[in-house]
C-alpha cells in the first residue's frame, strides 16, 4: 500500500528551510520511504505541475487524480482574475 501526500508550496522568500518544497505530490510507502515526487519547485499550469494540491484519489489502474484550490490561492489574485485548472489526472506509465 502507498500513501499519496499533497504538499503545498513553501518556496517563498521568507522560508529559508523549505525552499525545495512543493507544490507537489509525494508517493510514500508504509515504512515512510519516499518512492516518487510529482511536481516542481514552482507552481504552474503544465501537466504534472500544481498550484495547491488539496485532494488526491487513485484508481485501480494507478492513475492519480489531484484536486486543487487554484482559484482561491492564485486565480482570484491574478490581474485580471481568471479560472485555473482545479482537477488534474496523471496517467500511470509502465
N, C-alpha and C. Protein backbone atom coordinates (compact mmCIF):
# COMPACT_ATOMS: atom_id res chain seq x y z
N UNK A 1 0.83 -1.18 0.00
CA UNK A 1 0.00 0.00 0.00
C UNK A 1 0.87 1.24 0.00
N UNK A 2 0.32 2.29 -0.58
CA UNK A 2 1.06 3.55 -0.71
C UNK A 2 0.25 4.71 -0.15
N UNK A 3 0.95 5.74 0.26
CA UNK A 3 0.32 6.99 0.69
C UNK A 3 0.66 8.05 -0.35
N UNK A 4 -0.32 8.89 -0.65
CA UNK A 4 -0.14 9.99 -1.58
C UNK A 4 -0.37 11.28 -0.79
N UNK A 5 0.66 12.11 -0.72
CA UNK A 5 0.60 13.31 0.11
C UNK A 5 0.73 14.55 -0.76
N UNK A 6 -0.28 15.42 -0.69
CA UNK A 6 -0.21 16.70 -1.38
C UNK A 6 0.54 17.69 -0.51
N UNK A 7 1.59 18.28 -1.06
CA UNK A 7 2.40 19.24 -0.30
C UNK A 7 2.24 20.62 -0.92
N UNK A 8 1.93 21.57 -0.06
CA UNK A 8 1.69 22.93 -0.51
C UNK A 8 3.00 23.67 -0.72
N UNK A 9 2.97 24.70 -1.51
CA UNK A 9 4.14 25.49 -1.88
C UNK A 9 4.75 26.19 -0.67
N UNK A 10 6.06 26.01 -0.48
CA UNK A 10 6.77 26.70 0.60
C UNK A 10 7.97 27.47 0.08
N UNK A 11 8.08 27.60 -1.22
CA UNK A 11 9.24 28.27 -1.80
C UNK A 11 9.11 29.78 -1.83
N UNK A 12 8.72 30.37 -0.73
CA UNK A 12 8.61 31.82 -0.65
C UNK A 12 9.90 32.40 -0.08
N UNK A 13 10.14 33.65 -0.34
CA UNK A 13 11.39 34.27 0.07
C UNK A 13 11.68 34.20 1.55
N UNK A 14 10.64 34.24 2.39
CA UNK A 14 10.86 34.23 3.84
C UNK A 14 11.06 32.83 4.41
N UNK A 15 10.98 31.80 3.57
CA UNK A 15 11.14 30.42 4.04
C UNK A 15 12.53 29.93 3.65
N UNK A 16 13.47 30.04 4.57
CA UNK A 16 14.86 29.64 4.29
C UNK A 16 15.07 28.14 4.29
N UNK A 17 14.25 27.39 5.03
CA UNK A 17 14.48 25.95 5.18
C UNK A 17 13.73 25.12 4.16
N UNK A 18 12.59 25.57 3.68
CA UNK A 18 11.76 24.76 2.79
C UNK A 18 11.74 25.26 1.37
N UNK A 19 12.87 25.66 0.85
CA UNK A 19 12.89 26.26 -0.48
C UNK A 19 12.66 25.26 -1.61
N UNK A 20 12.75 23.98 -1.35
CA UNK A 20 12.55 22.97 -2.39
C UNK A 20 11.32 22.11 -2.08
N UNK A 21 10.30 22.73 -1.51
CA UNK A 21 9.11 22.00 -1.10
C UNK A 21 7.92 22.45 -1.92
N UNK A 22 7.38 21.56 -2.70
CA UNK A 22 6.11 21.71 -3.36
C UNK A 22 6.01 22.89 -4.30
N UNK A 23 4.81 23.10 -4.85
CA UNK A 23 3.67 22.23 -4.67
C UNK A 23 3.89 20.91 -5.42
N UNK A 24 3.65 19.83 -4.74
CA UNK A 24 3.96 18.52 -5.31
C UNK A 24 3.14 17.44 -4.63
N UNK A 25 3.21 16.25 -5.23
CA UNK A 25 2.63 15.05 -4.65
C UNK A 25 3.78 14.12 -4.33
N UNK A 26 3.85 13.65 -3.10
CA UNK A 26 4.85 12.65 -2.72
C UNK A 26 4.17 11.30 -2.59
N UNK A 27 4.78 10.28 -3.16
CA UNK A 27 4.29 8.90 -3.04
C UNK A 27 5.21 8.21 -2.04
N UNK A 28 4.61 7.71 -0.95
CA UNK A 28 5.38 7.18 0.17
C UNK A 28 4.87 5.79 0.53
N UNK A 29 5.79 4.85 0.82
CA UNK A 29 5.34 3.53 1.25
C UNK A 29 5.03 3.55 2.75
N UNK A 30 4.51 2.45 3.27
CA UNK A 30 4.08 2.42 4.67
C UNK A 30 5.24 2.47 5.66
N UNK A 31 6.45 2.27 5.18
CA UNK A 31 7.63 2.40 6.04
C UNK A 31 8.13 3.85 6.07
N UNK A 32 7.51 4.72 5.29
CA UNK A 32 7.88 6.13 5.27
C UNK A 32 8.90 6.50 4.22
N UNK A 33 9.26 5.57 3.35
CA UNK A 33 10.24 5.85 2.29
C UNK A 33 9.55 6.57 1.13
N UNK A 34 10.12 7.69 0.70
CA UNK A 34 9.59 8.41 -0.45
C UNK A 34 9.97 7.66 -1.72
N UNK A 35 8.96 7.21 -2.47
CA UNK A 35 9.19 6.45 -3.70
C UNK A 35 9.22 7.35 -4.93
N UNK A 36 8.46 8.44 -4.87
CA UNK A 36 8.39 9.35 -6.02
C UNK A 36 7.89 10.70 -5.56
N UNK A 37 8.25 11.70 -6.34
CA UNK A 37 7.71 13.04 -6.14
C UNK A 37 7.25 13.54 -7.50
N UNK A 38 6.04 14.06 -7.55
CA UNK A 38 5.46 14.58 -8.78
C UNK A 38 5.24 16.07 -8.58
N UNK A 39 5.78 16.86 -9.47
CA UNK A 39 5.65 18.31 -9.37
C UNK A 39 7.02 18.95 -9.35
N UNK A 40 7.02 20.26 -9.33
CA UNK A 40 8.26 21.01 -9.36
C UNK A 40 8.29 22.02 -8.23
N UNK A 41 9.40 22.70 -8.13
CA UNK A 41 9.55 23.67 -7.06
C UNK A 41 8.53 24.80 -7.17
N UNK A 42 8.26 25.29 -8.37
CA UNK A 42 7.32 26.39 -8.52
C UNK A 42 6.00 25.89 -9.09
N UNK A 43 4.94 26.66 -8.84
CA UNK A 43 3.61 26.31 -9.33
C UNK A 43 3.54 26.49 -10.84
N UNK A 44 2.48 25.91 -11.46
CA UNK A 44 2.31 26.08 -12.89
C UNK A 44 1.11 25.34 -13.43
N UNK A 45 0.74 25.68 -14.66
CA UNK A 45 -0.42 25.08 -15.32
C UNK A 45 -0.06 23.88 -16.18
N UNK A 46 1.21 23.62 -16.40
CA UNK A 46 1.61 22.50 -17.24
C UNK A 46 1.23 21.18 -16.55
N UNK A 47 1.07 20.14 -17.36
CA UNK A 47 0.76 18.82 -16.82
C UNK A 47 1.85 18.40 -15.83
N UNK A 48 1.43 17.91 -14.67
CA UNK A 48 2.38 17.47 -13.67
C UNK A 48 2.87 18.56 -12.74
N UNK A 49 2.41 19.79 -12.96
CA UNK A 49 2.72 20.89 -12.04
C UNK A 49 1.43 21.28 -11.34
N UNK A 50 1.55 21.89 -10.20
CA UNK A 50 0.38 22.16 -9.37
C UNK A 50 0.37 23.59 -8.86
N UNK A 51 -0.82 24.02 -8.41
CA UNK A 51 -0.97 25.27 -7.69
C UNK A 51 -1.08 24.96 -6.19
N UNK A 52 -2.13 24.26 -5.82
CA UNK A 52 -2.37 23.94 -4.41
C UNK A 52 -3.03 22.57 -4.32
N UNK A 53 -2.26 21.48 -4.40
CA UNK A 53 -2.86 20.14 -4.32
C UNK A 53 -3.62 19.99 -3.01
N UNK A 54 -4.87 19.53 -3.13
CA UNK A 54 -5.75 19.53 -1.96
C UNK A 54 -6.38 18.16 -1.70
N UNK A 55 -6.86 17.52 -2.75
CA UNK A 55 -7.47 16.19 -2.63
C UNK A 55 -6.84 15.25 -3.63
N UNK A 56 -6.63 13.99 -3.22
CA UNK A 56 -5.97 13.02 -4.09
C UNK A 56 -6.75 11.72 -4.07
N UNK A 57 -6.94 11.14 -5.26
CA UNK A 57 -7.56 9.82 -5.38
C UNK A 57 -6.74 9.02 -6.39
N UNK A 58 -6.73 7.71 -6.22
CA UNK A 58 -6.00 6.82 -7.12
C UNK A 58 -6.97 5.73 -7.57
N UNK A 59 -7.04 5.48 -8.90
CA UNK A 59 -7.95 4.44 -9.38
C UNK A 59 -7.25 3.08 -9.45
N UNK A 60 -7.98 2.08 -9.90
CA UNK A 60 -7.47 0.70 -9.91
C UNK A 60 -6.30 0.51 -10.88
N UNK A 61 -6.12 1.43 -11.84
CA UNK A 61 -5.00 1.35 -12.78
C UNK A 61 -3.77 2.10 -12.28
N UNK A 62 -3.90 2.78 -11.15
CA UNK A 62 -2.78 3.55 -10.62
C UNK A 62 -2.75 4.99 -11.10
N UNK A 63 -3.77 5.41 -11.87
CA UNK A 63 -3.85 6.80 -12.29
C UNK A 63 -4.19 7.66 -11.08
N UNK A 64 -3.60 8.84 -11.01
CA UNK A 64 -3.76 9.73 -9.86
C UNK A 64 -4.62 10.92 -10.27
N UNK A 65 -5.60 11.25 -9.45
CA UNK A 65 -6.47 12.40 -9.66
C UNK A 65 -6.17 13.41 -8.55
N UNK A 66 -5.86 14.64 -8.94
CA UNK A 66 -5.50 15.66 -7.96
C UNK A 66 -6.46 16.84 -8.09
N UNK A 67 -7.14 17.15 -6.99
CA UNK A 67 -7.99 18.34 -6.93
C UNK A 67 -7.16 19.46 -6.30
N UNK A 68 -7.37 20.68 -6.81
CA UNK A 68 -6.60 21.81 -6.32
C UNK A 68 -7.51 22.98 -5.96
N UNK A 69 -7.07 23.80 -5.04
CA UNK A 69 -7.78 25.03 -4.70
C UNK A 69 -7.08 26.20 -5.41
N UNK A 70 -7.03 26.08 -6.73
CA UNK A 70 -6.26 27.04 -7.53
C UNK A 70 -6.92 28.42 -7.61
N UNK A 71 -8.25 28.48 -7.58
CA UNK A 71 -8.92 29.78 -7.70
C UNK A 71 -8.62 30.66 -6.48
N UNK A 72 -8.84 30.13 -5.30
CA UNK A 72 -8.67 30.96 -4.10
C UNK A 72 -7.21 31.33 -3.84
N UNK A 73 -6.29 30.46 -4.21
CA UNK A 73 -4.87 30.74 -3.96
C UNK A 73 -4.21 31.56 -5.07
N UNK A 74 -4.65 31.38 -6.31
CA UNK A 74 -3.95 32.03 -7.42
C UNK A 74 -4.87 32.78 -8.38
N UNK A 75 -5.86 32.09 -8.93
CA UNK A 75 -6.70 32.68 -9.96
C UNK A 75 -7.38 33.96 -9.56
N UNK A 76 -7.89 34.02 -8.33
CA UNK A 76 -8.59 35.22 -7.86
C UNK A 76 -7.65 36.40 -7.65
N UNK A 77 -6.37 36.14 -7.56
CA UNK A 77 -5.39 37.20 -7.31
C UNK A 77 -4.68 37.66 -8.59
N UNK A 78 -4.98 37.00 -9.72
CA UNK A 78 -4.36 37.38 -10.99
C UNK A 78 -5.01 38.66 -11.52
N UNK A 79 -4.31 39.35 -12.37
CA UNK A 79 -4.86 40.56 -12.97
C UNK A 79 -4.91 40.41 -14.48
N UNK A 80 -6.08 40.23 -15.09
CA UNK A 80 -7.37 40.13 -14.42
C UNK A 80 -7.55 38.74 -13.81
N UNK A 81 -8.45 38.61 -12.83
CA UNK A 81 -8.72 37.29 -12.24
C UNK A 81 -9.19 36.31 -13.32
N UNK A 82 -8.80 35.04 -13.20
CA UNK A 82 -9.24 34.05 -14.19
C UNK A 82 -9.29 32.67 -13.55
N UNK A 83 -10.11 31.83 -14.16
CA UNK A 83 -10.22 30.45 -13.70
C UNK A 83 -8.95 29.69 -14.08
N UNK A 84 -8.52 28.83 -13.19
CA UNK A 84 -7.39 27.94 -13.45
C UNK A 84 -7.87 26.50 -13.29
N UNK A 85 -7.09 25.57 -13.76
CA UNK A 85 -7.43 24.16 -13.62
C UNK A 85 -7.62 23.83 -12.14
N UNK A 86 -8.67 23.07 -11.85
CA UNK A 86 -8.91 22.67 -10.46
C UNK A 86 -8.87 21.15 -10.29
N UNK A 87 -8.72 20.40 -11.38
CA UNK A 87 -8.62 18.94 -11.32
C UNK A 87 -7.64 18.49 -12.39
N UNK A 88 -6.80 17.54 -12.03
CA UNK A 88 -5.80 17.03 -12.98
C UNK A 88 -5.71 15.51 -12.84
N UNK A 89 -5.67 14.83 -13.99
CA UNK A 89 -5.48 13.37 -14.00
C UNK A 89 -4.07 13.09 -14.49
N UNK A 90 -3.35 12.30 -13.71
CA UNK A 90 -1.99 11.88 -14.07
C UNK A 90 -2.04 10.39 -14.37
N UNK A 91 -1.74 10.02 -15.60
CA UNK A 91 -1.85 8.63 -16.05
C UNK A 91 -0.56 7.89 -15.73
N UNK A 92 -0.70 6.74 -15.09
CA UNK A 92 0.47 5.92 -14.74
C UNK A 92 1.08 5.35 -16.01
N UNK A 93 2.39 5.47 -16.12
CA UNK A 93 3.14 4.95 -17.27
C UNK A 93 3.92 3.74 -16.78
N UNK A 94 3.82 2.66 -17.52
CA UNK A 94 4.52 1.43 -17.11
C UNK A 94 6.00 1.53 -17.28
